[in-house]
């Protein structure tokens, strides 16, 4: 038997129309092409997995499929550290989102200087700033997704920009 959960907040933008402006501004800021769209979708998928949110995982899996990513790469995002499918730059980005979203061990920073230096080896200053904003962008949507609990939709991938 499958239990279908109801959305707590089917369309928060109907209640707060300014949300559309915030969302559009975030997409414009991260859409500057300094970081490959695929990398951002991998990061957003990993974020959805970390917070255990079906809406975000279905959405970003759909984006990756639309971009032509293999099922191996998509499936392996949850176990990326030992998967052979990711570039060093993608690994650095995935490590950064994990460090940002997961609690740090007691007495340590979430994003260490060593991790920052590793990421900076793969991304120029503009790309690193964009990646940082992309992680902030997914955090914006995490709050909406885990509180509002929208129903998973793969169809939004059709509206993704190139």
N, C-alpha and C. Protein backbone atom coordinates (compact mmCIF):
# COMPACT_ATOMS: atom_id res chain seq x y z
N UNK A 1 0.85 -1.19 0.00
CA UNK A 1 0.00 0.00 0.00
C UNK A 1 0.89 1.24 0.00
N UNK A 2 0.62 2.15 -0.90
CA UNK A 2 1.38 3.38 -1.01
C UNK A 2 0.62 4.50 -0.33
N UNK A 3 1.30 5.20 0.52
CA UNK A 3 0.71 6.35 1.20
C UNK A 3 1.09 7.61 0.43
N UNK A 4 0.11 8.39 0.03
CA UNK A 4 0.36 9.63 -0.68
C UNK A 4 0.23 10.78 0.31
N UNK A 5 1.32 11.49 0.52
CA UNK A 5 1.30 12.62 1.43
C UNK A 5 0.73 13.84 0.71
N UNK A 6 0.01 14.63 1.44
CA UNK A 6 -0.51 15.87 0.90
C UNK A 6 0.49 16.99 1.16
N UNK A 7 0.60 17.87 0.22
CA UNK A 7 1.46 19.02 0.40
C UNK A 7 0.89 19.91 1.49
N UNK A 8 1.78 20.39 2.35
CA UNK A 8 1.34 21.31 3.39
C UNK A 8 1.15 22.71 2.83
N UNK A 9 1.90 23.01 1.78
CA UNK A 9 1.89 24.35 1.20
C UNK A 9 2.06 24.18 -0.31
N UNK A 10 0.98 23.85 -1.02
CA UNK A 10 1.11 23.51 -2.44
C UNK A 10 1.82 24.56 -3.28
N UNK A 11 1.56 25.84 -3.05
CA UNK A 11 2.22 26.87 -3.84
C UNK A 11 2.47 28.09 -2.96
N UNK A 12 3.61 28.11 -2.26
CA UNK A 12 3.86 29.24 -1.37
C UNK A 12 3.95 30.58 -2.11
N UNK A 13 4.27 30.55 -3.40
CA UNK A 13 4.36 31.79 -4.17
C UNK A 13 2.98 32.45 -4.33
N UNK A 14 1.91 31.67 -4.21
CA UNK A 14 0.58 32.27 -4.23
C UNK A 14 0.36 33.10 -2.98
N UNK A 15 0.94 32.66 -1.88
CA UNK A 15 0.78 33.37 -0.60
C UNK A 15 1.76 34.53 -0.47
N UNK A 16 2.96 34.34 -1.02
CA UNK A 16 4.00 35.37 -0.97
C UNK A 16 4.55 35.53 -2.39
N UNK A 17 3.88 36.32 -3.21
CA UNK A 17 4.27 36.44 -4.62
C UNK A 17 5.71 36.91 -4.83
N UNK A 18 6.27 37.63 -3.86
CA UNK A 18 7.64 38.10 -3.97
C UNK A 18 8.64 36.95 -4.05
N UNK A 19 8.22 35.76 -3.64
CA UNK A 19 9.07 34.58 -3.72
C UNK A 19 9.53 34.34 -5.16
N UNK A 20 8.67 34.62 -6.11
CA UNK A 20 9.04 34.45 -7.52
C UNK A 20 10.21 35.35 -7.90
N UNK A 21 10.23 36.58 -7.38
CA UNK A 21 11.33 37.49 -7.66
C UNK A 21 12.63 37.00 -7.04
N UNK A 22 12.55 36.52 -5.80
CA UNK A 22 13.74 35.98 -5.12
C UNK A 22 14.27 34.78 -5.88
N UNK A 23 13.39 33.88 -6.24
CA UNK A 23 13.77 32.68 -6.97
C UNK A 23 14.41 33.04 -8.31
N UNK A 24 13.79 33.95 -9.04
CA UNK A 24 14.33 34.35 -10.34
C UNK A 24 15.70 35.00 -10.19
N UNK A 25 15.88 35.82 -9.16
CA UNK A 25 17.17 36.46 -8.94
C UNK A 25 18.24 35.42 -8.62
N UNK A 26 17.91 34.42 -7.83
CA UNK A 26 18.87 33.36 -7.52
C UNK A 26 19.25 32.59 -8.78
N UNK A 27 18.28 32.28 -9.61
CA UNK A 27 18.59 31.56 -10.85
C UNK A 27 19.42 32.41 -11.81
N UNK A 28 19.15 33.71 -11.85
CA UNK A 28 19.99 34.59 -12.69
C UNK A 28 21.42 34.62 -12.16
N UNK A 29 21.57 34.75 -10.85
CA UNK A 29 22.91 34.84 -10.25
C UNK A 29 23.71 33.57 -10.46
N UNK A 30 23.07 32.43 -10.35
CA UNK A 30 23.80 31.16 -10.50
C UNK A 30 23.87 30.69 -11.95
N UNK A 31 23.15 31.34 -12.82
CA UNK A 31 23.12 30.95 -14.23
C UNK A 31 24.15 31.67 -15.07
N UNK A 32 25.22 32.17 -14.46
CA UNK A 32 26.22 32.94 -15.19
C UNK A 32 27.22 32.07 -15.96
N UNK A 33 27.04 30.78 -15.95
CA UNK A 33 27.82 29.80 -16.71
C UNK A 33 29.28 29.66 -16.24
N UNK A 34 29.60 30.17 -15.06
CA UNK A 34 30.96 29.99 -14.54
C UNK A 34 31.13 28.60 -13.92
N UNK A 35 30.02 27.99 -13.53
CA UNK A 35 30.01 26.62 -13.02
C UNK A 35 29.07 25.83 -13.93
N UNK A 36 29.50 24.68 -14.41
CA UNK A 36 28.60 23.90 -15.27
C UNK A 36 27.26 23.62 -14.59
N UNK A 37 26.19 23.76 -15.35
CA UNK A 37 24.84 23.49 -14.83
C UNK A 37 24.77 22.09 -14.23
N UNK A 38 25.43 21.12 -14.87
CA UNK A 38 25.42 19.75 -14.34
C UNK A 38 26.01 19.70 -12.94
N UNK A 39 27.10 20.42 -12.72
CA UNK A 39 27.71 20.43 -11.39
C UNK A 39 26.74 20.99 -10.37
N UNK A 40 26.06 22.07 -10.73
CA UNK A 40 25.09 22.64 -9.77
C UNK A 40 23.95 21.67 -9.50
N UNK A 41 23.49 20.96 -10.52
CA UNK A 41 22.42 19.98 -10.29
C UNK A 41 22.91 18.81 -9.45
N UNK A 42 24.16 18.39 -9.63
CA UNK A 42 24.72 17.35 -8.77
C UNK A 42 24.75 17.82 -7.31
N UNK A 43 25.19 19.06 -7.11
CA UNK A 43 25.24 19.64 -5.77
C UNK A 43 23.84 19.75 -5.17
N UNK A 44 22.88 20.19 -5.98
CA UNK A 44 21.51 20.33 -5.48
C UNK A 44 20.89 18.96 -5.19
N UNK A 45 21.20 17.97 -6.02
CA UNK A 45 20.71 16.62 -5.75
C UNK A 45 21.28 16.11 -4.43
N UNK A 46 22.58 16.30 -4.22
CA UNK A 46 23.20 15.83 -2.97
C UNK A 46 22.57 16.54 -1.78
N UNK A 47 22.30 17.83 -1.92
CA UNK A 47 21.65 18.57 -0.83
C UNK A 47 20.28 17.97 -0.52
N UNK A 48 19.49 17.67 -1.55
CA UNK A 48 18.19 17.05 -1.34
C UNK A 48 18.30 15.70 -0.65
N UNK A 49 19.33 14.94 -1.00
CA UNK A 49 19.56 13.65 -0.34
C UNK A 49 19.93 13.85 1.13
N UNK A 50 20.80 14.82 1.40
CA UNK A 50 21.24 15.06 2.77
C UNK A 50 20.07 15.42 3.67
N UNK A 51 19.16 16.25 3.17
CA UNK A 51 18.01 16.65 4.00
C UNK A 51 16.83 15.70 3.86
N UNK A 52 17.04 14.62 3.08
CA UNK A 52 16.03 13.57 2.96
C UNK A 52 14.71 14.11 2.41
N UNK A 53 14.80 14.85 1.28
CA UNK A 53 13.61 15.46 0.72
C UNK A 53 13.34 14.94 -0.69
N UNK A 54 12.24 14.27 -0.84
CA UNK A 54 11.87 13.65 -2.12
C UNK A 54 11.67 14.69 -3.21
N UNK A 55 11.02 15.79 -2.90
CA UNK A 55 10.77 16.82 -3.91
C UNK A 55 12.09 17.26 -4.56
N UNK A 56 13.08 17.59 -3.75
CA UNK A 56 14.36 18.07 -4.29
C UNK A 56 15.13 16.97 -5.00
N UNK A 57 15.05 15.74 -4.51
CA UNK A 57 15.79 14.67 -5.19
C UNK A 57 15.14 14.31 -6.52
N UNK A 58 13.84 14.26 -6.57
CA UNK A 58 13.16 13.98 -7.84
C UNK A 58 13.41 15.11 -8.83
N UNK A 59 13.29 16.34 -8.39
CA UNK A 59 13.48 17.49 -9.27
C UNK A 59 14.89 17.51 -9.86
N UNK A 60 15.90 17.37 -9.01
CA UNK A 60 17.27 17.47 -9.51
C UNK A 60 17.71 16.23 -10.27
N UNK A 61 17.15 15.09 -9.95
CA UNK A 61 17.39 13.89 -10.77
C UNK A 61 16.83 14.12 -12.17
N UNK A 62 15.65 14.73 -12.24
CA UNK A 62 15.03 15.03 -13.54
C UNK A 62 15.87 16.01 -14.34
N UNK A 63 16.40 17.04 -13.67
CA UNK A 63 17.27 17.99 -14.36
C UNK A 63 18.49 17.27 -14.94
N UNK A 64 19.09 16.38 -14.16
CA UNK A 64 20.28 15.66 -14.62
C UNK A 64 19.94 14.73 -15.78
N UNK A 65 18.81 14.06 -15.72
CA UNK A 65 18.39 13.20 -16.84
C UNK A 65 18.18 14.03 -18.10
N UNK A 66 17.52 15.17 -17.95
CA UNK A 66 17.29 16.04 -19.10
C UNK A 66 18.61 16.49 -19.72
N UNK A 67 19.62 16.68 -18.89
CA UNK A 67 20.94 17.10 -19.38
C UNK A 67 21.72 15.95 -20.00
N UNK A 68 21.14 14.72 -19.96
CA UNK A 68 21.80 13.58 -20.57
C UNK A 68 22.76 12.83 -19.67
N UNK A 69 22.68 13.09 -18.36
CA UNK A 69 23.58 12.39 -17.44
C UNK A 69 23.20 10.91 -17.33
N UNK A 70 24.19 10.07 -17.13
CA UNK A 70 23.96 8.63 -17.04
C UNK A 70 23.29 8.28 -15.72
N UNK A 71 22.57 7.17 -15.73
CA UNK A 71 21.95 6.69 -14.50
C UNK A 71 23.01 6.34 -13.46
N UNK A 72 24.18 5.88 -13.91
CA UNK A 72 25.26 5.56 -12.96
C UNK A 72 25.68 6.80 -12.18
N UNK A 73 25.89 7.90 -12.90
CA UNK A 73 26.29 9.14 -12.21
C UNK A 73 25.20 9.64 -11.28
N UNK A 74 23.97 9.63 -11.75
CA UNK A 74 22.87 10.12 -10.93
C UNK A 74 22.72 9.26 -9.67
N UNK A 75 22.73 7.97 -9.84
CA UNK A 75 22.56 7.05 -8.72
C UNK A 75 23.73 7.15 -7.74
N UNK A 76 24.92 7.37 -8.24
CA UNK A 76 26.11 7.38 -7.40
C UNK A 76 26.32 8.68 -6.62
N UNK A 77 25.48 9.68 -6.83
CA UNK A 77 25.65 10.93 -6.08
C UNK A 77 25.59 10.66 -4.58
N UNK A 78 24.74 9.77 -4.15
CA UNK A 78 24.61 9.50 -2.71
C UNK A 78 25.86 8.84 -2.13
N UNK A 79 26.67 8.24 -2.97
CA UNK A 79 27.90 7.58 -2.49
C UNK A 79 29.11 8.09 -3.27
N UNK A 80 29.10 9.35 -3.61
CA UNK A 80 30.10 9.95 -4.49
C UNK A 80 31.55 9.75 -4.05
N UNK A 81 31.89 9.71 -2.74
CA UNK A 81 33.31 9.63 -2.41
C UNK A 81 34.03 8.40 -2.98
N UNK A 82 33.30 7.30 -3.12
CA UNK A 82 33.97 6.10 -3.65
C UNK A 82 33.49 5.72 -5.06
N UNK A 83 32.75 6.62 -5.70
CA UNK A 83 32.25 6.35 -7.05
C UNK A 83 33.24 6.88 -8.08
N UNK A 84 33.47 6.15 -9.16
CA UNK A 84 34.44 6.57 -10.17
C UNK A 84 33.90 7.53 -11.23
N UNK A 85 32.69 8.05 -11.04
CA UNK A 85 32.00 8.77 -12.10
C UNK A 85 32.16 10.29 -12.08
N UNK A 86 32.87 10.83 -11.13
CA UNK A 86 32.90 12.28 -10.95
C UNK A 86 34.29 12.85 -11.14
N UNK A 87 34.33 14.05 -11.70
CA UNK A 87 35.61 14.74 -11.87
C UNK A 87 36.09 15.26 -10.52
N UNK A 88 37.34 15.67 -10.46
CA UNK A 88 37.86 16.24 -9.22
C UNK A 88 37.11 17.51 -8.85
N UNK A 89 36.76 18.32 -9.85
CA UNK A 89 36.01 19.55 -9.58
C UNK A 89 34.62 19.22 -9.02
N UNK A 90 33.95 18.23 -9.59
CA UNK A 90 32.63 17.83 -9.08
C UNK A 90 32.75 17.29 -7.66
N UNK A 91 33.79 16.52 -7.40
CA UNK A 91 34.01 15.99 -6.04
C UNK A 91 34.20 17.12 -5.04
N UNK A 92 34.97 18.13 -5.43
CA UNK A 92 35.18 19.27 -4.55
C UNK A 92 33.85 19.97 -4.26
N UNK A 93 33.02 20.16 -5.28
CA UNK A 93 31.72 20.81 -5.10
C UNK A 93 30.81 19.97 -4.21
N UNK A 94 30.81 18.66 -4.40
CA UNK A 94 30.00 17.78 -3.56
C UNK A 94 30.49 17.80 -2.11
N UNK A 95 31.79 17.83 -1.92
CA UNK A 95 32.35 17.91 -0.56
C UNK A 95 31.93 19.23 0.10
N UNK A 96 31.92 20.30 -0.69
CA UNK A 96 31.55 21.62 -0.15
C UNK A 96 30.09 21.65 0.30
N UNK A 97 29.18 21.10 -0.50
CA UNK A 97 27.78 21.11 -0.09
C UNK A 97 27.58 20.22 1.13
N UNK A 98 28.26 19.10 1.19
CA UNK A 98 28.14 18.25 2.37
C UNK A 98 28.64 18.96 3.62
N UNK A 99 29.79 19.61 3.50
CA UNK A 99 30.35 20.33 4.66
C UNK A 99 29.42 21.46 5.10
N UNK A 100 28.78 22.10 4.16
CA UNK A 100 27.88 23.21 4.46
C UNK A 100 26.61 22.74 5.16
N UNK A 101 26.08 21.61 4.73
CA UNK A 101 24.78 21.16 5.24
C UNK A 101 24.84 20.21 6.43
N UNK A 102 25.97 19.59 6.65
CA UNK A 102 26.05 18.63 7.74
C UNK A 102 26.77 19.23 8.94
N UNK A 103 26.39 18.81 10.13
CA UNK A 103 27.07 19.33 11.31
C UNK A 103 28.56 18.98 11.29
N UNK A 104 29.35 19.91 11.77
CA UNK A 104 30.79 19.67 11.87
C UNK A 104 31.09 18.89 13.15
N UNK A 105 32.14 18.08 13.10
CA UNK A 105 32.56 17.45 14.36
C UNK A 105 32.85 18.53 15.40
N UNK A 106 32.62 18.23 16.65
CA UNK A 106 32.80 19.20 17.73
C UNK A 106 34.17 19.88 17.65
N UNK A 107 34.15 21.18 17.71
CA UNK A 107 35.39 21.95 17.73
C UNK A 107 36.02 22.21 16.37
N UNK A 108 35.31 21.86 15.29
CA UNK A 108 35.87 22.10 13.96
C UNK A 108 34.91 22.96 13.15
N UNK A 109 35.45 23.57 12.13
CA UNK A 109 34.62 24.35 11.21
C UNK A 109 33.92 23.41 10.24
N UNK A 110 32.78 23.81 9.75
CA UNK A 110 32.11 23.02 8.72
C UNK A 110 32.95 23.02 7.45
N UNK A 111 33.35 24.20 7.01
CA UNK A 111 34.18 24.32 5.81
C UNK A 111 35.58 24.69 6.28
N UNK A 112 36.45 23.71 6.28
CA UNK A 112 37.82 23.94 6.73
C UNK A 112 38.61 24.73 5.69
N UNK A 113 39.72 25.28 6.12
CA UNK A 113 40.61 25.97 5.17
C UNK A 113 41.09 25.00 4.10
N UNK A 114 41.35 23.75 4.49
CA UNK A 114 41.81 22.75 3.53
C UNK A 114 40.75 22.46 2.48
N UNK A 115 39.50 22.34 2.89
CA UNK A 115 38.43 22.10 1.92
C UNK A 115 38.28 23.31 1.00
N UNK A 116 38.28 24.50 1.58
CA UNK A 116 38.17 25.72 0.76
C UNK A 116 39.30 25.76 -0.27
N UNK A 117 40.51 25.46 0.16
CA UNK A 117 41.65 25.47 -0.76
C UNK A 117 41.48 24.43 -1.86
N UNK A 118 40.95 23.27 -1.51
CA UNK A 118 40.70 22.22 -2.51
C UNK A 118 39.69 22.69 -3.56
N UNK A 119 38.60 23.29 -3.10
CA UNK A 119 37.58 23.78 -4.02
C UNK A 119 38.17 24.90 -4.88
N UNK A 120 38.94 25.78 -4.28
CA UNK A 120 39.53 26.90 -5.01
C UNK A 120 40.54 26.45 -6.07
N UNK A 121 41.07 25.25 -5.94
CA UNK A 121 41.96 24.71 -6.98
C UNK A 121 41.19 24.40 -8.26
N UNK A 122 39.90 24.17 -8.14
CA UNK A 122 39.08 23.75 -9.29
C UNK A 122 38.19 24.85 -9.84
N UNK A 123 37.99 25.91 -9.07
CA UNK A 123 37.08 26.97 -9.49
C UNK A 123 37.76 28.32 -9.32
N UNK A 124 37.68 29.16 -10.35
CA UNK A 124 38.23 30.51 -10.24
C UNK A 124 37.35 31.31 -9.28
N UNK A 125 37.77 32.52 -8.88
CA UNK A 125 37.00 33.27 -7.87
C UNK A 125 35.52 33.47 -8.22
N UNK A 126 35.22 33.79 -9.48
CA UNK A 126 33.81 33.97 -9.86
C UNK A 126 33.05 32.66 -9.75
N UNK A 127 33.63 31.57 -10.20
CA UNK A 127 32.98 30.27 -10.13
C UNK A 127 32.79 29.83 -8.67
N UNK A 128 33.78 30.09 -7.84
CA UNK A 128 33.65 29.73 -6.42
C UNK A 128 32.55 30.54 -5.75
N UNK A 129 32.47 31.82 -6.09
CA UNK A 129 31.37 32.64 -5.55
C UNK A 129 30.02 32.13 -6.06
N UNK A 130 29.97 31.74 -7.32
CA UNK A 130 28.73 31.22 -7.91
C UNK A 130 28.34 29.90 -7.25
N UNK A 131 29.31 29.03 -7.04
CA UNK A 131 29.04 27.76 -6.36
C UNK A 131 28.53 28.01 -4.94
N UNK A 132 29.11 28.97 -4.27
CA UNK A 132 28.65 29.35 -2.93
C UNK A 132 27.20 29.82 -2.97
N UNK A 133 26.87 30.66 -3.95
CA UNK A 133 25.49 31.12 -4.11
C UNK A 133 24.55 29.97 -4.46
N UNK A 134 25.04 29.01 -5.25
CA UNK A 134 24.20 27.85 -5.61
C UNK A 134 23.87 27.03 -4.37
N UNK A 135 24.82 26.93 -3.46
CA UNK A 135 24.54 26.21 -2.21
C UNK A 135 23.55 27.02 -1.37
N UNK A 136 23.69 28.34 -1.35
CA UNK A 136 22.70 29.19 -0.68
C UNK A 136 21.33 29.08 -1.34
N UNK A 137 21.33 28.99 -2.66
CA UNK A 137 20.08 28.85 -3.41
C UNK A 137 19.35 27.57 -2.99
N UNK A 138 20.07 26.47 -2.92
CA UNK A 138 19.39 25.22 -2.54
C UNK A 138 18.94 25.28 -1.09
N UNK A 139 19.66 26.00 -0.25
CA UNK A 139 19.21 26.17 1.13
C UNK A 139 17.90 26.94 1.20
N UNK A 140 17.74 27.92 0.33
CA UNK A 140 16.47 28.65 0.24
C UNK A 140 15.34 27.67 -0.09
N UNK A 141 15.59 26.81 -1.08
CA UNK A 141 14.56 25.85 -1.49
C UNK A 141 14.40 24.70 -0.50
N UNK A 142 15.44 24.37 0.26
CA UNK A 142 15.32 23.34 1.29
C UNK A 142 14.25 23.75 2.30
N UNK A 143 14.30 24.98 2.76
CA UNK A 143 13.31 25.43 3.74
C UNK A 143 11.90 25.29 3.18
N UNK A 144 11.69 25.72 1.95
CA UNK A 144 10.37 25.61 1.33
C UNK A 144 9.97 24.14 1.18
N UNK A 145 10.92 23.30 0.78
CA UNK A 145 10.62 21.88 0.51
C UNK A 145 10.35 21.09 1.79
N UNK A 146 11.14 21.29 2.82
CA UNK A 146 10.93 20.46 4.02
C UNK A 146 9.79 20.97 4.88
N UNK A 147 9.51 22.26 4.83
CA UNK A 147 8.39 22.79 5.60
C UNK A 147 7.09 22.67 4.80
N UNK A 148 7.10 23.09 3.55
CA UNK A 148 5.89 23.08 2.73
C UNK A 148 5.53 21.73 2.17
N UNK A 149 6.53 20.86 2.02
CA UNK A 149 6.35 19.50 1.54
C UNK A 149 5.60 19.42 0.21
N UNK A 150 6.09 20.12 -0.83
CA UNK A 150 5.42 20.03 -2.12
C UNK A 150 5.52 18.62 -2.70
N UNK A 151 4.59 18.29 -3.54
CA UNK A 151 4.60 16.97 -4.18
C UNK A 151 5.74 16.90 -5.20
N UNK A 152 6.42 15.75 -5.30
CA UNK A 152 7.50 15.61 -6.28
C UNK A 152 6.98 15.80 -7.70
N UNK A 153 7.76 16.54 -8.50
CA UNK A 153 7.41 16.75 -9.90
C UNK A 153 8.66 16.70 -10.75
N UNK A 154 8.62 15.82 -11.74
CA UNK A 154 9.74 15.75 -12.68
C UNK A 154 9.53 16.72 -13.82
N UNK A 155 8.30 17.18 -14.04
CA UNK A 155 7.99 18.02 -15.19
C UNK A 155 8.66 19.38 -15.17
N UNK A 156 9.09 19.85 -13.99
CA UNK A 156 9.77 21.15 -13.93
C UNK A 156 11.10 21.13 -14.68
N UNK A 157 11.65 19.95 -14.87
CA UNK A 157 12.92 19.84 -15.60
C UNK A 157 12.76 20.34 -17.03
N UNK A 158 11.58 20.26 -17.57
CA UNK A 158 11.35 20.74 -18.93
C UNK A 158 11.56 22.24 -19.04
N UNK A 159 11.38 22.95 -17.94
CA UNK A 159 11.53 24.41 -17.95
C UNK A 159 12.97 24.85 -17.65
N UNK A 160 13.85 23.90 -17.40
CA UNK A 160 15.23 24.26 -17.06
C UNK A 160 15.90 24.94 -18.24
N UNK A 161 16.65 25.98 -17.92
CA UNK A 161 17.39 26.68 -18.97
C UNK A 161 18.66 25.91 -19.28
N UNK A 162 19.24 26.18 -20.44
CA UNK A 162 20.48 25.53 -20.83
C UNK A 162 21.67 26.35 -20.43
